[in-house]
Amino acid sequence: MDYPAVCNAVETLLVHQKYPDKWLADILLKMQESGVELRVCPETKFRLEVFTELNLIDATEEDWGTEYTDLILSIKSVNSAEDAVNHISLFGSKHTEAIVTENSDLAEWFMNAVDAAGVFWNASTRFADGFRYGLGAEVVVSTGKTHARGPVGLEGLVIYKYKLYGNGHGAGRFGKDKLEFLHEEIQI
């Protein structure tokens, strides 16, 4: 919610059907109180109909693939992690996806199964940024698997997939006069 007009903001929340309804309602109520518009699938609306303080708008098919650049969140209940990955495969931008779970095996499976430039575990998608990756100024964002044309050296042919392991980290706590980024070069 600190900057919804960027490409690494969250637009869709996929939540397992067994996630407690009260917990989900509490999270969504806090978001609603912060000005977030909530668009939900029929299953989620049914799950949360007893929480009358929530203003839930029916999501359309178009919502699942929309980059809002605004305080709008689409919420969909899914039956399994496989259903979530299938949804992401159909509607995701291939930019950044995240999973919030305490199950490390599930997180690792998700991070390998999802086709995106960045896949994060228990961390904000707002970390998806060239500066935060230690690349200096971000020049362009590519979500394709091949991106170079014309005469290109080795650097232009390398494709990256970023994995970020967090523990509830939010990007807003890092930067000038805040927590510092730690960039370590990977030795191959």
N, C-alpha and C. Protein backbone atom coordinates (compact mmCIF):
# COMPACT_ATOMS: atom_id res chain seq x y z
N MET A 1 0.81 -1.20 0.00
CA MET A 1 0.00 0.00 0.00
C MET A 1 0.85 1.26 0.00
N ASP A 2 2.20 1.09 0.14
CA ASP A 2 3.05 2.28 0.20
C ASP A 2 3.23 2.95 -1.15
N TYR A 3 3.02 2.22 -2.26
CA TYR A 3 3.17 2.82 -3.59
C TYR A 3 2.51 1.89 -4.61
N PRO A 4 1.18 1.97 -4.76
CA PRO A 4 0.47 1.03 -5.63
C PRO A 4 0.65 1.27 -7.12
N ALA A 5 1.23 2.39 -7.51
CA ALA A 5 1.32 2.74 -8.93
C ALA A 5 2.54 2.15 -9.62
N VAL A 6 3.16 1.14 -9.05
CA VAL A 6 4.35 0.55 -9.65
C VAL A 6 4.08 -0.88 -10.09
N CYS A 7 4.96 -1.40 -10.94
CA CYS A 7 4.76 -2.72 -11.51
C CYS A 7 4.99 -3.85 -10.51
N ASN A 8 5.59 -3.58 -9.35
CA ASN A 8 5.83 -4.64 -8.38
C ASN A 8 4.83 -4.61 -7.22
N ALA A 9 3.74 -3.88 -7.38
CA ALA A 9 2.67 -3.86 -6.37
C ALA A 9 1.79 -5.11 -6.53
N VAL A 10 1.13 -5.50 -5.48
CA VAL A 10 0.25 -6.68 -5.51
C VAL A 10 -1.12 -6.29 -6.08
N GLU A 11 -1.60 -7.08 -7.03
CA GLU A 11 -2.94 -6.87 -7.58
C GLU A 11 -3.89 -7.99 -7.22
N THR A 12 -3.37 -9.20 -7.04
CA THR A 12 -4.22 -10.37 -6.78
C THR A 12 -3.71 -11.14 -5.58
N LEU A 13 -4.63 -11.54 -4.73
CA LEU A 13 -4.34 -12.40 -3.58
C LEU A 13 -5.07 -13.72 -3.80
N LEU A 14 -4.30 -14.80 -3.88
CA LEU A 14 -4.87 -16.13 -3.96
C LEU A 14 -4.76 -16.74 -2.57
N VAL A 15 -5.88 -17.17 -2.01
CA VAL A 15 -5.88 -17.69 -0.64
C VAL A 15 -6.48 -19.09 -0.62
N HIS A 16 -5.82 -19.99 0.10
CA HIS A 16 -6.30 -21.37 0.17
C HIS A 16 -7.66 -21.41 0.85
N GLN A 17 -8.54 -22.25 0.34
CA GLN A 17 -9.90 -22.35 0.87
C GLN A 17 -9.93 -22.75 2.35
N LYS A 18 -8.86 -23.41 2.83
CA LYS A 18 -8.83 -23.82 4.24
C LYS A 18 -8.25 -22.74 5.15
N TYR A 19 -7.77 -21.63 4.58
CA TYR A 19 -7.28 -20.53 5.42
C TYR A 19 -8.49 -20.00 6.20
N PRO A 20 -8.35 -19.82 7.50
CA PRO A 20 -9.51 -19.43 8.31
C PRO A 20 -10.19 -18.15 7.83
N ASP A 21 -11.49 -18.23 7.66
CA ASP A 21 -12.27 -17.09 7.17
C ASP A 21 -12.09 -15.85 8.05
N LYS A 22 -12.07 -16.03 9.34
CA LYS A 22 -11.93 -14.89 10.26
C LYS A 22 -10.60 -14.19 10.06
N TRP A 23 -9.54 -14.95 9.88
CA TRP A 23 -8.22 -14.35 9.66
C TRP A 23 -8.21 -13.57 8.36
N LEU A 24 -8.78 -14.17 7.30
CA LEU A 24 -8.84 -13.48 6.02
C LEU A 24 -9.66 -12.20 6.14
N ALA A 25 -10.81 -12.29 6.81
CA ALA A 25 -11.66 -11.11 6.99
C ALA A 25 -10.91 -10.01 7.75
N ASP A 26 -10.16 -10.38 8.78
CA ASP A 26 -9.40 -9.38 9.55
C ASP A 26 -8.37 -8.67 8.67
N ILE A 27 -7.66 -9.44 7.84
CA ILE A 27 -6.66 -8.86 6.93
C ILE A 27 -7.33 -7.91 5.94
N LEU A 28 -8.42 -8.38 5.33
CA LEU A 28 -9.09 -7.58 4.32
C LEU A 28 -9.74 -6.34 4.93
N LEU A 29 -10.23 -6.44 6.15
CA LEU A 29 -10.81 -5.27 6.81
C LEU A 29 -9.75 -4.19 7.03
N LYS A 30 -8.56 -4.60 7.46
CA LYS A 30 -7.47 -3.63 7.65
C LYS A 30 -7.11 -2.98 6.32
N MET A 31 -7.11 -3.76 5.26
CA MET A 31 -6.81 -3.20 3.95
C MET A 31 -7.91 -2.23 3.52
N GLN A 32 -9.16 -2.63 3.72
CA GLN A 32 -10.29 -1.78 3.36
C GLN A 32 -10.23 -0.47 4.13
N GLU A 33 -9.90 -0.54 5.42
CA GLU A 33 -9.80 0.67 6.24
C GLU A 33 -8.66 1.58 5.78
N SER A 34 -7.71 1.02 5.05
CA SER A 34 -6.60 1.80 4.50
C SER A 34 -6.90 2.30 3.09
N GLY A 35 -8.12 2.07 2.63
CA GLY A 35 -8.53 2.60 1.33
C GLY A 35 -8.46 1.63 0.17
N VAL A 36 -8.24 0.35 0.44
CA VAL A 36 -8.14 -0.64 -0.63
C VAL A 36 -9.53 -1.12 -1.03
N GLU A 37 -9.80 -1.11 -2.33
CA GLU A 37 -11.03 -1.67 -2.87
C GLU A 37 -10.84 -3.17 -3.03
N LEU A 38 -11.81 -3.97 -2.57
CA LEU A 38 -11.69 -5.42 -2.55
C LEU A 38 -12.63 -6.05 -3.58
N ARG A 39 -12.05 -6.75 -4.56
CA ARG A 39 -12.82 -7.43 -5.60
C ARG A 39 -12.61 -8.93 -5.41
N VAL A 40 -13.71 -9.66 -5.25
CA VAL A 40 -13.60 -11.07 -4.86
C VAL A 40 -14.34 -12.00 -5.82
N CYS A 41 -13.85 -13.23 -5.86
CA CYS A 41 -14.53 -14.29 -6.62
C CYS A 41 -15.77 -14.73 -5.85
N PRO A 42 -16.70 -15.45 -6.49
CA PRO A 42 -17.92 -15.90 -5.80
C PRO A 42 -17.64 -16.74 -4.55
N GLU A 43 -16.62 -17.63 -4.61
CA GLU A 43 -16.30 -18.48 -3.45
C GLU A 43 -15.85 -17.64 -2.26
N THR A 44 -15.02 -16.66 -2.52
CA THR A 44 -14.54 -15.80 -1.43
C THR A 44 -15.69 -14.97 -0.87
N LYS A 45 -16.55 -14.46 -1.74
CA LYS A 45 -17.69 -13.68 -1.27
C LYS A 45 -18.58 -14.53 -0.37
N PHE A 46 -18.81 -15.79 -0.75
CA PHE A 46 -19.61 -16.70 0.05
C PHE A 46 -18.95 -16.95 1.41
N ARG A 47 -17.63 -17.18 1.39
CA ARG A 47 -16.90 -17.43 2.64
C ARG A 47 -17.02 -16.26 3.62
N LEU A 48 -17.05 -15.05 3.08
CA LEU A 48 -16.95 -13.86 3.94
C LEU A 48 -18.26 -13.11 4.11
N GLU A 49 -19.37 -13.69 3.65
CA GLU A 49 -20.64 -12.96 3.71
C GLU A 49 -21.10 -12.63 5.13
N VAL A 50 -20.64 -13.38 6.12
CA VAL A 50 -21.03 -13.10 7.51
C VAL A 50 -20.29 -11.89 8.09
N PHE A 51 -19.24 -11.46 7.41
CA PHE A 51 -18.47 -10.30 7.87
C PHE A 51 -19.01 -9.06 7.15
N THR A 52 -20.13 -8.55 7.68
CA THR A 52 -20.89 -7.51 6.99
C THR A 52 -20.16 -6.17 6.91
N GLU A 53 -19.11 -5.98 7.69
CA GLU A 53 -18.36 -4.72 7.62
C GLU A 53 -17.47 -4.64 6.38
N LEU A 54 -17.30 -5.77 5.71
CA LEU A 54 -16.50 -5.79 4.48
C LEU A 54 -17.34 -5.37 3.29
N ASN A 55 -16.81 -4.48 2.48
CA ASN A 55 -17.46 -4.07 1.24
C ASN A 55 -16.79 -4.83 0.11
N LEU A 56 -17.39 -5.95 -0.28
CA LEU A 56 -16.80 -6.83 -1.28
C LEU A 56 -17.50 -6.64 -2.62
N ILE A 57 -16.69 -6.36 -3.63
CA ILE A 57 -17.19 -6.14 -4.98
C ILE A 57 -16.93 -7.42 -5.78
N ASP A 58 -17.88 -7.80 -6.63
CA ASP A 58 -17.71 -8.99 -7.47
C ASP A 58 -16.57 -8.76 -8.47
N ALA A 59 -15.60 -9.67 -8.47
CA ALA A 59 -14.51 -9.61 -9.44
C ALA A 59 -15.01 -10.10 -10.79
N THR A 60 -14.44 -9.54 -11.84
CA THR A 60 -14.74 -10.00 -13.19
C THR A 60 -13.54 -10.78 -13.70
N GLU A 61 -13.70 -11.47 -14.81
CA GLU A 61 -12.61 -12.22 -15.42
C GLU A 61 -11.44 -11.29 -15.74
N GLU A 62 -11.74 -10.07 -16.13
CA GLU A 62 -10.72 -9.08 -16.47
C GLU A 62 -9.86 -8.71 -15.26
N ASP A 63 -10.43 -8.75 -14.07
CA ASP A 63 -9.69 -8.37 -12.87
C ASP A 63 -8.46 -9.25 -12.64
N TRP A 64 -8.52 -10.52 -13.00
CA TRP A 64 -7.44 -11.44 -12.67
C TRP A 64 -6.14 -11.12 -13.40
N GLY A 65 -6.22 -10.44 -14.54
CA GLY A 65 -5.01 -10.10 -15.28
C GLY A 65 -4.71 -8.62 -15.32
N THR A 66 -5.40 -7.84 -14.49
CA THR A 66 -5.25 -6.39 -14.52
C THR A 66 -4.17 -5.89 -13.58
N GLU A 67 -3.32 -5.00 -14.10
CA GLU A 67 -2.36 -4.28 -13.26
C GLU A 67 -3.02 -2.95 -12.94
N TYR A 68 -3.56 -2.80 -11.75
CA TYR A 68 -4.40 -1.66 -11.40
C TYR A 68 -3.65 -0.35 -11.25
N THR A 69 -2.45 -0.38 -10.75
CA THR A 69 -1.70 0.82 -10.37
C THR A 69 -2.55 1.72 -9.47
N ASP A 70 -3.29 1.09 -8.58
CA ASP A 70 -4.18 1.79 -7.66
C ASP A 70 -4.42 0.89 -6.45
N LEU A 71 -5.10 1.41 -5.45
CA LEU A 71 -5.40 0.64 -4.24
C LEU A 71 -6.61 -0.26 -4.49
N ILE A 72 -6.40 -1.28 -5.32
CA ILE A 72 -7.42 -2.28 -5.66
C ILE A 72 -6.77 -3.64 -5.54
N LEU A 73 -7.48 -4.59 -4.92
CA LEU A 73 -6.98 -5.94 -4.76
C LEU A 73 -8.06 -6.93 -5.17
N SER A 74 -7.71 -7.87 -6.04
CA SER A 74 -8.60 -8.97 -6.39
C SER A 74 -8.24 -10.16 -5.52
N ILE A 75 -9.25 -10.82 -4.95
CA ILE A 75 -9.03 -11.93 -4.04
C ILE A 75 -9.76 -13.16 -4.58
N LYS A 76 -9.05 -14.28 -4.67
CA LYS A 76 -9.64 -15.52 -5.18
C LYS A 76 -9.29 -16.66 -4.24
N SER A 77 -10.27 -17.48 -3.90
CA SER A 77 -10.04 -18.69 -3.12
C SER A 77 -9.63 -19.81 -4.07
N VAL A 78 -8.61 -20.56 -3.66
CA VAL A 78 -8.14 -21.69 -4.47
C VAL A 78 -8.15 -22.95 -3.61
N ASN A 79 -8.25 -24.10 -4.28
CA ASN A 79 -8.32 -25.39 -3.60
C ASN A 79 -6.95 -25.96 -3.24
N SER A 80 -5.90 -25.50 -3.95
CA SER A 80 -4.58 -26.09 -3.74
C SER A 80 -3.50 -25.16 -4.28
N ALA A 81 -2.27 -25.48 -3.95
CA ALA A 81 -1.14 -24.72 -4.49
C ALA A 81 -1.08 -24.90 -6.01
N GLU A 82 -1.43 -26.08 -6.49
CA GLU A 82 -1.45 -26.32 -7.93
C GLU A 82 -2.46 -25.40 -8.62
N ASP A 83 -3.63 -25.23 -8.00
CA ASP A 83 -4.63 -24.30 -8.55
C ASP A 83 -4.09 -22.88 -8.58
N ALA A 84 -3.35 -22.50 -7.54
CA ALA A 84 -2.76 -21.16 -7.50
C ALA A 84 -1.76 -20.98 -8.64
N VAL A 85 -0.89 -21.95 -8.83
CA VAL A 85 0.11 -21.86 -9.90
C VAL A 85 -0.57 -21.84 -11.27
N ASN A 86 -1.63 -22.62 -11.44
CA ASN A 86 -2.37 -22.61 -12.71
C ASN A 86 -2.98 -21.23 -12.95
N HIS A 87 -3.54 -20.62 -11.90
CA HIS A 87 -4.11 -19.28 -12.02
C HIS A 87 -3.03 -18.28 -12.41
N ILE A 88 -1.88 -18.37 -11.75
CA ILE A 88 -0.76 -17.48 -12.05
C ILE A 88 -0.29 -17.69 -13.49
N SER A 89 -0.25 -18.93 -13.94
CA SER A 89 0.17 -19.22 -15.32
C SER A 89 -0.77 -18.58 -16.33
N LEU A 90 -2.06 -18.57 -16.02
CA LEU A 90 -3.05 -17.98 -16.93
C LEU A 90 -3.08 -16.45 -16.88
N PHE A 91 -2.97 -15.88 -15.68
CA PHE A 91 -3.23 -14.45 -15.51
C PHE A 91 -2.04 -13.63 -15.05
N GLY A 92 -0.98 -14.27 -14.59
CA GLY A 92 0.16 -13.52 -14.08
C GLY A 92 0.91 -12.78 -15.17
N SER A 93 1.69 -11.78 -14.75
CA SER A 93 2.45 -10.96 -15.70
C SER A 93 3.84 -11.51 -15.97
N LYS A 94 4.25 -12.52 -15.24
CA LYS A 94 5.60 -13.09 -15.28
C LYS A 94 6.63 -12.12 -14.71
N HIS A 95 6.17 -11.12 -13.98
CA HIS A 95 7.07 -10.14 -13.35
C HIS A 95 7.51 -10.66 -11.99
N THR A 96 6.61 -10.68 -11.03
CA THR A 96 6.95 -11.10 -9.67
C THR A 96 5.75 -11.79 -9.04
N GLU A 97 6.00 -12.91 -8.39
CA GLU A 97 4.97 -13.64 -7.65
C GLU A 97 5.52 -13.96 -6.28
N ALA A 98 4.64 -14.14 -5.31
CA ALA A 98 5.08 -14.43 -3.94
C ALA A 98 4.16 -15.45 -3.31
N ILE A 99 4.72 -16.21 -2.37
CA ILE A 99 3.95 -17.15 -1.55
C ILE A 99 4.21 -16.82 -0.09
N VAL A 100 3.16 -16.88 0.70
CA VAL A 100 3.27 -16.69 2.14
C VAL A 100 2.87 -18.01 2.78
N THR A 101 3.84 -18.66 3.40
CA THR A 101 3.60 -19.96 4.01
C THR A 101 4.71 -20.28 5.01
N GLU A 102 4.42 -21.13 5.96
CA GLU A 102 5.43 -21.63 6.88
C GLU A 102 6.01 -22.96 6.38
N ASN A 103 5.43 -23.52 5.33
CA ASN A 103 5.83 -24.81 4.80
C ASN A 103 6.96 -24.62 3.79
N SER A 104 8.18 -24.94 4.18
CA SER A 104 9.34 -24.71 3.32
C SER A 104 9.32 -25.58 2.06
N ASP A 105 8.83 -26.80 2.17
CA ASP A 105 8.74 -27.67 0.98
C ASP A 105 7.77 -27.09 -0.04
N LEU A 106 6.63 -26.61 0.43
CA LEU A 106 5.65 -25.98 -0.45
C LEU A 106 6.23 -24.71 -1.08
N ALA A 107 6.91 -23.92 -0.28
CA ALA A 107 7.50 -22.68 -0.79
C ALA A 107 8.52 -22.97 -1.88
N GLU A 108 9.37 -23.95 -1.65
CA GLU A 108 10.39 -24.31 -2.64
C GLU A 108 9.75 -24.83 -3.92
N TRP A 109 8.71 -25.67 -3.77
CA TRP A 109 7.99 -26.17 -4.93
C TRP A 109 7.39 -25.01 -5.73
N PHE A 110 6.72 -24.08 -5.03
CA PHE A 110 6.10 -22.92 -5.67
C PHE A 110 7.14 -22.08 -6.40
N MET A 111 8.27 -21.83 -5.74
CA MET A 111 9.30 -20.98 -6.33
C MET A 111 9.88 -21.60 -7.60
N ASN A 112 9.90 -22.91 -7.67
CA ASN A 112 10.38 -23.59 -8.87
C ASN A 112 9.30 -23.72 -9.93
N ALA A 113 8.04 -23.82 -9.53
CA ALA A 113 6.94 -24.06 -10.46
C ALA A 113 6.46 -22.80 -11.17
N VAL A 114 6.58 -21.66 -10.51
CA VAL A 114 6.05 -20.42 -11.07
C VAL A 114 7.03 -19.83 -12.09
N ASP A 115 6.50 -19.49 -13.25
CA ASP A 115 7.28 -18.86 -14.31
C ASP A 115 7.18 -17.35 -14.16
N ALA A 116 8.16 -16.76 -13.47
CA ALA A 116 8.22 -15.31 -13.29
C ALA A 116 9.67 -14.90 -13.10
N ALA A 117 9.96 -13.65 -13.40
CA ALA A 117 11.32 -13.14 -13.25
C ALA A 117 11.76 -13.14 -11.79
N GLY A 118 10.82 -12.94 -10.88
CA GLY A 118 11.10 -12.98 -9.44
C GLY A 118 10.03 -13.77 -8.72
N VAL A 119 10.45 -14.67 -7.86
CA VAL A 119 9.51 -15.45 -7.06
C VAL A 119 9.98 -15.39 -5.62
N PHE A 120 9.13 -14.89 -4.74
CA PHE A 120 9.52 -14.60 -3.36
C PHE A 120 8.75 -15.46 -2.38
N TRP A 121 9.39 -15.72 -1.25
CA TRP A 121 8.78 -16.48 -0.16
C TRP A 121 8.77 -15.59 1.08
N ASN A 122 7.58 -15.31 1.59
CA ASN A 122 7.38 -14.52 2.82
C ASN A 122 8.04 -13.15 2.75
N ALA A 123 7.98 -12.52 1.60
CA ALA A 123 8.53 -11.17 1.46
C ALA A 123 7.69 -10.39 0.45
N SER A 124 7.70 -9.10 0.58
CA SER A 124 6.93 -8.21 -0.29
C SER A 124 7.41 -8.26 -1.73
N THR A 125 6.47 -8.23 -2.66
CA THR A 125 6.81 -8.15 -4.08
C THR A 125 7.47 -6.82 -4.42
N ARG A 126 7.38 -5.86 -3.54
CA ARG A 126 8.00 -4.55 -3.76
C ARG A 126 9.52 -4.63 -3.76
N PHE A 127 10.10 -5.77 -3.37
CA PHE A 127 11.55 -5.94 -3.46
C PHE A 127 12.00 -6.15 -4.91
N ALA A 128 11.07 -6.41 -5.82
CA ALA A 128 11.41 -6.65 -7.23
C ALA A 128 11.76 -5.32 -7.89
N ASP A 129 13.03 -5.00 -7.87
CA ASP A 129 13.48 -3.71 -8.37
C ASP A 129 14.97 -3.80 -8.64
N GLY A 130 15.41 -3.27 -9.76
CA GLY A 130 16.82 -3.33 -10.11
C GLY A 130 17.74 -2.77 -9.04
N PHE A 131 17.36 -1.64 -8.45
CA PHE A 131 18.19 -1.05 -7.39
C PHE A 131 18.27 -1.98 -6.19
N ARG A 132 17.14 -2.54 -5.80
CA ARG A 132 17.12 -3.43 -4.63
C ARG A 132 17.88 -4.72 -4.90
N TYR A 133 17.97 -5.13 -6.17
CA TYR A 133 18.76 -6.31 -6.53
C TYR A 133 20.25 -6.01 -6.60
N GLY A 134 20.60 -4.74 -6.45
CA GLY A 134 22.01 -4.36 -6.51
C GLY A 134 22.51 -4.12 -7.92
N LEU A 135 21.59 -3.84 -8.86
CA LEU A 135 21.97 -3.65 -10.25
C LEU A 135 22.18 -2.18 -10.61
N GLY A 136 22.06 -1.29 -9.65
CA GLY A 136 22.14 0.13 -9.96
C GLY A 136 20.79 0.61 -10.46
N ALA A 137 20.80 1.61 -11.32
CA ALA A 137 19.55 2.14 -11.86
C ALA A 137 18.88 1.10 -12.74
N GLU A 138 17.57 0.96 -12.58
CA GLU A 138 16.81 0.03 -13.42
C GLU A 138 16.53 0.72 -14.75
N VAL A 139 16.94 0.09 -15.84
CA VAL A 139 16.78 0.67 -17.16
C VAL A 139 15.47 0.22 -17.80
N VAL A 140 15.17 -1.05 -17.68
CA VAL A 140 13.98 -1.61 -18.31
C VAL A 140 13.58 -2.86 -17.53
N VAL A 141 12.31 -3.25 -17.65
CA VAL A 141 11.83 -4.48 -17.05
C VAL A 141 11.45 -5.42 -18.18
N SER A 142 11.98 -6.62 -18.14
CA SER A 142 11.65 -7.63 -19.14
C SER A 142 11.03 -8.82 -18.45
N THR A 143 9.89 -9.26 -18.96
CA THR A 143 9.27 -10.46 -18.42
C THR A 143 9.37 -11.63 -19.38
N GLY A 144 10.04 -11.43 -20.49
CA GLY A 144 10.24 -12.50 -21.45
C GLY A 144 11.43 -13.36 -21.05
N LYS A 145 11.54 -14.51 -21.68
CA LYS A 145 12.68 -15.39 -21.39
C LYS A 145 13.82 -15.13 -22.35
N THR A 146 13.54 -14.51 -23.47
CA THR A 146 14.60 -14.05 -24.36
C THR A 146 14.27 -12.60 -24.67
N HIS A 147 15.26 -11.75 -24.56
CA HIS A 147 14.96 -10.33 -24.64
C HIS A 147 15.91 -9.53 -25.51
N ALA A 148 17.00 -10.11 -25.94
CA ALA A 148 18.01 -9.34 -26.65
C ALA A 148 17.85 -9.48 -28.16
N ARG A 149 18.14 -8.39 -28.90
CA ARG A 149 18.13 -8.41 -30.36
C ARG A 149 19.35 -7.67 -30.87
N GLY A 150 19.78 -7.99 -32.05
CA GLY A 150 20.95 -7.33 -32.63
C GLY A 150 22.23 -7.87 -32.02
N PRO A 151 23.36 -7.19 -32.28
CA PRO A 151 24.62 -7.65 -31.71
C PRO A 151 24.58 -7.62 -30.18
N VAL A 152 24.77 -8.76 -29.57
CA VAL A 152 24.65 -8.87 -28.12
C VAL A 152 25.80 -9.72 -27.61
N GLY A 153 26.44 -9.26 -26.55
CA GLY A 153 27.48 -10.04 -25.89
C GLY A 153 26.86 -10.99 -24.88
N LEU A 154 27.70 -11.70 -24.14
CA LEU A 154 27.25 -12.67 -23.15
C LEU A 154 26.30 -12.07 -22.14
N GLU A 155 26.60 -10.87 -21.64
CA GLU A 155 25.74 -10.23 -20.63
C GLU A 155 24.29 -10.14 -21.10
N GLY A 156 24.09 -9.85 -22.37
CA GLY A 156 22.74 -9.71 -22.91
C GLY A 156 22.01 -11.01 -23.13
N LEU A 157 22.72 -12.12 -23.06
CA LEU A 157 22.10 -13.43 -23.28
C LEU A 157 21.73 -14.15 -21.99
N VAL A 158 22.19 -13.64 -20.87
CA VAL A 158 21.95 -14.30 -19.58
C VAL A 158 20.54 -13.99 -19.10
N ILE A 159 19.83 -15.00 -18.67
CA ILE A 159 18.48 -14.85 -18.14
C ILE A 159 18.52 -15.17 -16.65
N TYR A 160 17.86 -14.36 -15.85
CA TYR A 160 17.86 -14.53 -14.40
C TYR A 160 16.47 -14.84 -13.89
N LYS A 161 16.42 -15.59 -12.82
CA LYS A 161 15.20 -15.76 -12.04
C LYS A 161 15.59 -15.47 -10.61
N TYR A 162 14.99 -14.47 -10.02
CA TYR A 162 15.34 -14.05 -8.67
C TYR A 162 14.45 -14.76 -7.66
N LYS A 163 15.06 -15.31 -6.63
CA LYS A 163 14.32 -15.92 -5.53
C LYS A 163 14.69 -15.14 -4.27
N LEU A 164 13.69 -14.71 -3.52
CA LEU A 164 13.93 -13.95 -2.31
C LEU A 164 13.26 -14.69 -1.15
N TYR A 165 14.03 -15.00 -0.13
CA TYR A 165 13.52 -15.70 1.03
C TYR A 165 13.39 -14.68 2.16
N GLY A 166 12.18 -14.49 2.67
CA GLY A 166 11.95 -13.48 3.69
C GLY A 166 11.27 -14.07 4.91
N ASN A 167 11.01 -13.19 5.82
CA ASN A 167 10.29 -13.56 7.04
C ASN A 167 9.34 -12.41 7.37
N GLY A 168 8.47 -12.10 6.41
CA GLY A 168 7.54 -11.00 6.59
C GLY A 168 8.13 -9.65 6.26
N HIS A 169 9.24 -9.62 5.53
CA HIS A 169 9.91 -8.37 5.23
C HIS A 169 9.07 -7.50 4.28
N GLY A 170 9.10 -6.20 4.49
CA GLY A 170 8.46 -5.22 3.63
C GLY A 170 9.50 -4.30 3.05
N ALA A 171 9.35 -3.92 1.79
CA ALA A 171 10.36 -3.11 1.10
C ALA A 171 10.48 -1.71 1.69
N GLY A 172 9.43 -1.17 2.26
CA GLY A 172 9.45 0.19 2.79
C GLY A 172 10.41 0.41 3.95
N ARG A 173 10.88 -0.66 4.57
CA ARG A 173 11.79 -0.53 5.71
C ARG A 173 13.25 -0.40 5.27
N PHE A 174 13.51 -0.47 3.96
CA PHE A 174 14.87 -0.43 3.45
C PHE A 174 15.07 0.84 2.64
N GLY A 175 16.28 1.34 2.61
CA GLY A 175 16.61 2.51 1.81
C GLY A 175 17.45 3.50 2.58
N LYS A 176 17.53 4.72 2.07
CA LYS A 176 18.34 5.76 2.70
C LYS A 176 17.83 6.05 4.11
N ASP A 177 18.73 6.06 5.06
CA ASP A 177 18.44 6.30 6.48
C ASP A 177 17.52 5.24 7.08
N LYS A 178 17.49 4.05 6.48
CA LYS A 178 16.70 2.93 6.98
C LYS A 178 17.60 1.71 6.99
N LEU A 179 17.03 0.52 6.99
CA LEU A 179 17.82 -0.70 6.89
C LEU A 179 18.56 -0.72 5.56
N GLU A 180 19.78 -1.23 5.56
CA GLU A 180 20.56 -1.29 4.33
C GLU A 180 20.37 -2.63 3.63
N PHE A 181 20.47 -2.59 2.30
CA PHE A 181 20.43 -3.81 1.50
C PHE A 181 21.76 -4.52 1.63
N LEU A 182 21.71 -5.83 1.59
CA LEU A 182 22.93 -6.64 1.59
C LEU A 182 22.99 -7.36 0.25
N HIS A 183 23.96 -6.96 -0.56
CA HIS A 183 24.14 -7.59 -1.87
C HIS A 183 25.40 -8.42 -1.82
N GLU A 184 25.26 -9.70 -2.12
CA GLU A 184 26.40 -10.59 -2.16
C GLU A 184 26.51 -11.19 -3.54
N GLU A 185 27.72 -11.17 -4.08
CA GLU A 185 27.93 -11.77 -5.39
C GLU A 185 27.95 -13.29 -5.24
N ILE A 186 27.23 -13.96 -6.11
CA ILE A 186 27.18 -15.42 -6.09
C ILE A 186 28.37 -15.95 -6.86
N GLN A 187 29.11 -16.85 -6.24
CA GLN A 187 30.26 -17.45 -6.88
C GLN A 187 29.82 -18.71 -7.63
N ILE A 188 30.16 -18.77 -8.89
CA ILE A 188 29.77 -19.92 -9.72
C ILE A 188 30.98 -20.81 -9.95
